[in-house]
Amino acid sequence: VANLRIANATVSGRSYVGTLAGCAEDATVTNCSVVGATVMATGGPNYGRAGALIGHIKINCFVSRCFAIADVSAGSHHVGGFIGVIDDDNHAPCVVSNCFSVGSVSSTANCVGGFIGYVTGGHGSGSFVFDCYTVARAHGSDSVGGFFGKLEQNCKVTLGRCYAAGGGGDTTGTSH
């Protein structure tokens, strides 16, 4: 997918929710934007994977020169202001570069990040996130962060020239 702009969309679903895609596998996404969107994951705590642009990317996914200005809310896990989950579990890394997000991210569950909610995997070389930033503020019950909500134990992710300026994460419960 290239050169796509989505404006003023409202997207909702139980799990795997994103304005551009709920899940992207072995895909390339370039020069895409989401502006003025509202994304809602309604599935409860056993569901999840919601992001302003994409809910879940996995296996050889490349996302570059994209941005999202959106509000994301959920009653589920793995929620991000840009991408809900990055998963490279099958030895094929995902790469996110030159992207940003603006807005708010909130969940009554855990793994909530201003940019990416949850990173898992760790086989092979891992995933890569370069030249990205967020000014989204994240709120959740546990594992809440300004950039990442949670990095899974033993996952591999290379991070370069990225930052969060949304004021960090707020938790309404305990944090690990």
Protein backbone atom coordinates (compact mmCIF):
# COMPACT_ATOMS: atom_id res chain seq x y z
CA VAL A 1 0.00 0.00 0.00
CA ALA A 2 1.43 3.37 -0.95
CA ASN A 3 0.38 7.02 -0.98
CA LEU A 4 -2.94 6.55 0.81
CA ARG A 5 -4.57 9.18 3.06
CA ILE A 6 -7.49 8.34 5.34
CA ALA A 7 -9.28 11.24 7.00
CA ASN A 8 -11.92 11.46 9.74
CA ALA A 9 -12.55 7.71 9.96
CA THR A 10 -14.10 5.87 12.87
CA VAL A 11 -13.02 2.23 13.13
CA SER A 12 -14.15 -0.26 15.77
CA GLY A 13 -13.91 -3.99 16.33
CA ARG A 14 -13.23 -6.64 18.95
CA SER A 15 -9.60 -7.37 18.03
CA TYR A 16 -6.99 -6.56 15.35
CA VAL A 17 -8.24 -3.01 14.80
CA GLY A 18 -6.51 -0.30 12.77
CA THR A 19 -7.55 2.49 10.44
CA LEU A 20 -5.47 1.19 7.51
CA ALA A 21 -5.44 -2.51 8.46
CA GLY A 22 -6.26 -4.73 11.40
CA CYS A 23 -3.31 -7.01 10.59
CA ALA A 24 -0.52 -6.70 8.03
CA GLU A 25 1.68 -9.68 7.19
CA ASP A 26 4.52 -9.70 4.66
CA ALA A 27 3.45 -6.22 3.52
CA THR A 28 5.01 -2.89 2.60
CA VAL A 29 3.25 0.33 3.62
CA THR A 30 4.77 3.65 2.50
CA ASN A 31 3.67 7.30 2.48
CA CYS A 32 0.34 6.61 4.16
CA SER A 33 -1.45 8.80 6.68
CA VAL A 34 -4.39 8.73 9.04
CA VAL A 35 -5.77 12.13 10.11
CA GLY A 36 -8.58 12.78 12.57
CA ALA A 37 -9.41 9.12 13.15
CA THR A 38 -11.01 7.41 16.13
CA VAL A 39 -10.03 3.77 16.69
CA MET A 40 -11.85 1.62 19.25
CA ALA A 41 -11.15 -1.99 20.26
CA THR A 42 -14.27 -3.21 22.03
CA GLY A 43 -13.40 -6.85 22.72
CA GLY A 44 -12.54 -6.76 26.41
CA PRO A 45 -9.31 -7.78 28.15
CA ASN A 46 -8.81 -11.11 26.34
CA TYR A 47 -8.75 -9.43 22.94
CA GLY A 48 -6.57 -6.64 21.64
CA ARG A 49 -4.10 -5.45 19.07
CA ALA A 50 -5.29 -1.96 18.22
CA GLY A 51 -3.33 0.86 16.61
CA ALA A 52 -4.11 4.13 14.88
CA LEU A 53 -2.54 2.94 11.60
CA ILE A 54 -2.33 -0.87 11.95
CA GLY A 55 -3.43 -3.18 14.74
CA HIS A 56 -0.75 -5.88 14.29
CA ILE A 57 2.25 -6.20 11.96
CA LYS A 58 4.16 -9.44 11.55
CA ILE A 59 6.49 -11.47 9.39
CA ASN A 60 8.52 -9.30 7.06
CA CYS A 61 6.47 -6.09 7.29
CA PHE A 62 7.90 -2.71 6.29
CA VAL A 63 6.20 0.54 7.31
CA SER A 64 7.90 3.79 6.29
CA ARG A 65 7.14 7.51 5.92
CA CYS A 66 3.69 7.17 7.50
CA PHE A 67 1.91 9.08 10.25
CA ALA A 68 -1.24 8.93 12.33
CA ILE A 69 -3.10 11.72 14.08
CA ALA A 70 -5.76 9.81 15.96
CA ASP A 71 -7.28 8.78 19.26
CA VAL A 72 -7.15 5.10 20.16
CA SER A 73 -9.20 3.57 22.97
CA ALA A 74 -9.68 0.00 24.08
CA GLY A 75 -10.85 -2.32 26.79
CA SER A 76 -8.17 -4.73 25.64
CA HIS A 77 -4.41 -5.40 25.65
CA HIS A 78 -1.71 -4.35 23.17
CA VAL A 79 -2.75 -0.84 22.17
CA GLY A 80 -0.53 1.72 20.45
CA GLY A 81 -0.80 5.24 19.08
CA PHE A 82 0.64 4.01 15.78
CA ILE A 83 0.84 0.19 15.83
CA GLY A 84 -0.69 -2.15 18.40
CA VAL A 85 1.74 -5.11 18.09
CA ILE A 86 4.99 -5.87 16.27
CA ASP A 87 5.62 -9.62 15.99
CA ASP A 88 8.66 -11.15 14.27
CA ASP A 89 8.13 -14.64 15.64
CA ASN A 90 8.84 -16.41 12.36
CA HIS A 91 12.44 -15.25 11.83
CA ALA A 92 11.31 -12.45 9.48
CA PRO A 93 11.90 -8.98 10.95
CA CYS A 94 9.55 -6.04 10.77
CA VAL A 95 10.89 -2.55 10.08
CA VAL A 96 9.22 0.75 11.00
CA SER A 97 11.03 3.92 9.89
CA ASN A 98 10.42 7.65 9.50
CA CYS A 99 6.96 7.55 11.10
CA PHE A 100 5.15 9.49 13.81
CA SER A 101 1.94 9.56 15.83
CA VAL A 102 -0.05 12.28 17.58
CA GLY A 103 -3.11 11.86 19.78
CA SER A 104 -4.19 9.87 22.80
CA VAL A 105 -4.04 6.18 23.60
CA SER A 106 -6.07 4.67 26.42
CA SER A 107 -7.03 1.21 27.60
CA THR A 108 -8.50 -0.36 30.70
CA ALA A 109 -6.01 -3.23 30.18
CA ASN A 110 -2.22 -3.42 29.81
CA CYS A 111 0.58 -3.03 27.22
CA VAL A 112 -0.28 0.50 26.12
CA GLY A 113 2.27 2.63 24.29
CA GLY A 114 2.26 6.09 22.76
CA PHE A 115 3.75 4.61 19.58
CA ILE A 116 3.71 0.79 19.85
CA GLY A 117 1.77 -1.18 22.44
CA TYR A 118 3.66 -4.48 22.47
CA VAL A 119 6.72 -6.04 20.83
CA THR A 120 7.12 -9.81 20.77
CA GLY A 121 9.24 -12.33 18.93
CA GLY A 122 12.97 -12.52 19.15
CA HIS A 123 13.95 -15.15 16.67
CA GLY A 124 16.48 -14.19 14.04
CA SER A 125 17.58 -10.58 13.92
CA GLY A 126 14.51 -9.06 15.58
CA SER A 127 12.59 -5.97 14.52
CA PHE A 128 13.85 -2.46 13.77
CA VAL A 129 12.35 0.94 14.61
CA PHE A 130 14.25 3.99 13.30
CA ASP A 131 13.63 7.73 13.06
CA CYS A 132 10.18 7.61 14.65
CA TYR A 133 8.50 9.70 17.30
CA THR A 134 5.25 10.16 19.14
CA VAL A 135 3.57 12.99 20.98
CA ALA A 136 0.68 10.74 22.03
CA ARG A 137 -0.02 10.29 25.73
CA ALA A 138 -0.72 6.74 26.89
CA HIS A 139 -3.04 5.68 29.72
CA GLY A 140 -3.64 2.12 30.92
CA SER A 141 -3.68 -0.27 33.84
CA ASP A 142 -0.22 -1.88 33.53
CA SER A 143 2.87 -1.85 31.27
CA VAL A 144 2.27 1.66 29.97
CA GLY A 145 4.99 3.68 28.24
CA GLY A 146 5.49 6.85 26.27
CA PHE A 147 6.95 4.98 23.26
CA PHE A 148 6.54 1.23 23.92
CA GLY A 149 3.97 -0.26 26.27
CA LYS A 150 5.84 -3.55 26.76
CA LEU A 151 8.82 -5.35 25.25
CA GLU A 152 8.29 -9.08 25.66
CA GLN A 153 10.98 -10.95 27.58
CA ASN A 154 13.83 -11.95 25.24
CA CYS A 155 12.40 -10.08 22.27
CA LYS A 156 14.88 -8.38 19.98
CA VAL A 157 14.24 -4.85 18.79
CA THR A 158 16.76 -2.32 17.51
CA LEU A 159 15.74 1.26 18.22
CA GLY A 160 17.48 4.27 16.69
CA ARG A 161 16.81 8.03 16.73
CA CYS A 162 13.32 7.69 18.23
CA TYR A 163 11.62 9.63 21.00
CA ALA A 164 8.38 10.16 22.88
CA ALA A 165 7.31 13.69 23.80
CA GLY A 166 3.77 13.04 24.97
CA GLY A 167 4.60 13.15 28.65
CA GLY A 168 5.13 9.43 29.22
CA GLY A 169 2.63 6.89 30.37
CA ASP A 170 0.02 6.98 33.10
CA THR A 171 -1.09 3.88 34.94
CA THR A 172 -4.24 3.45 36.93
CA GLY A 173 -3.00 0.21 38.47
CA THR A 174 0.32 -1.41 39.25
CA SER A 175 3.22 -1.36 36.82
CA HIS A 176 5.82 -4.10 36.31
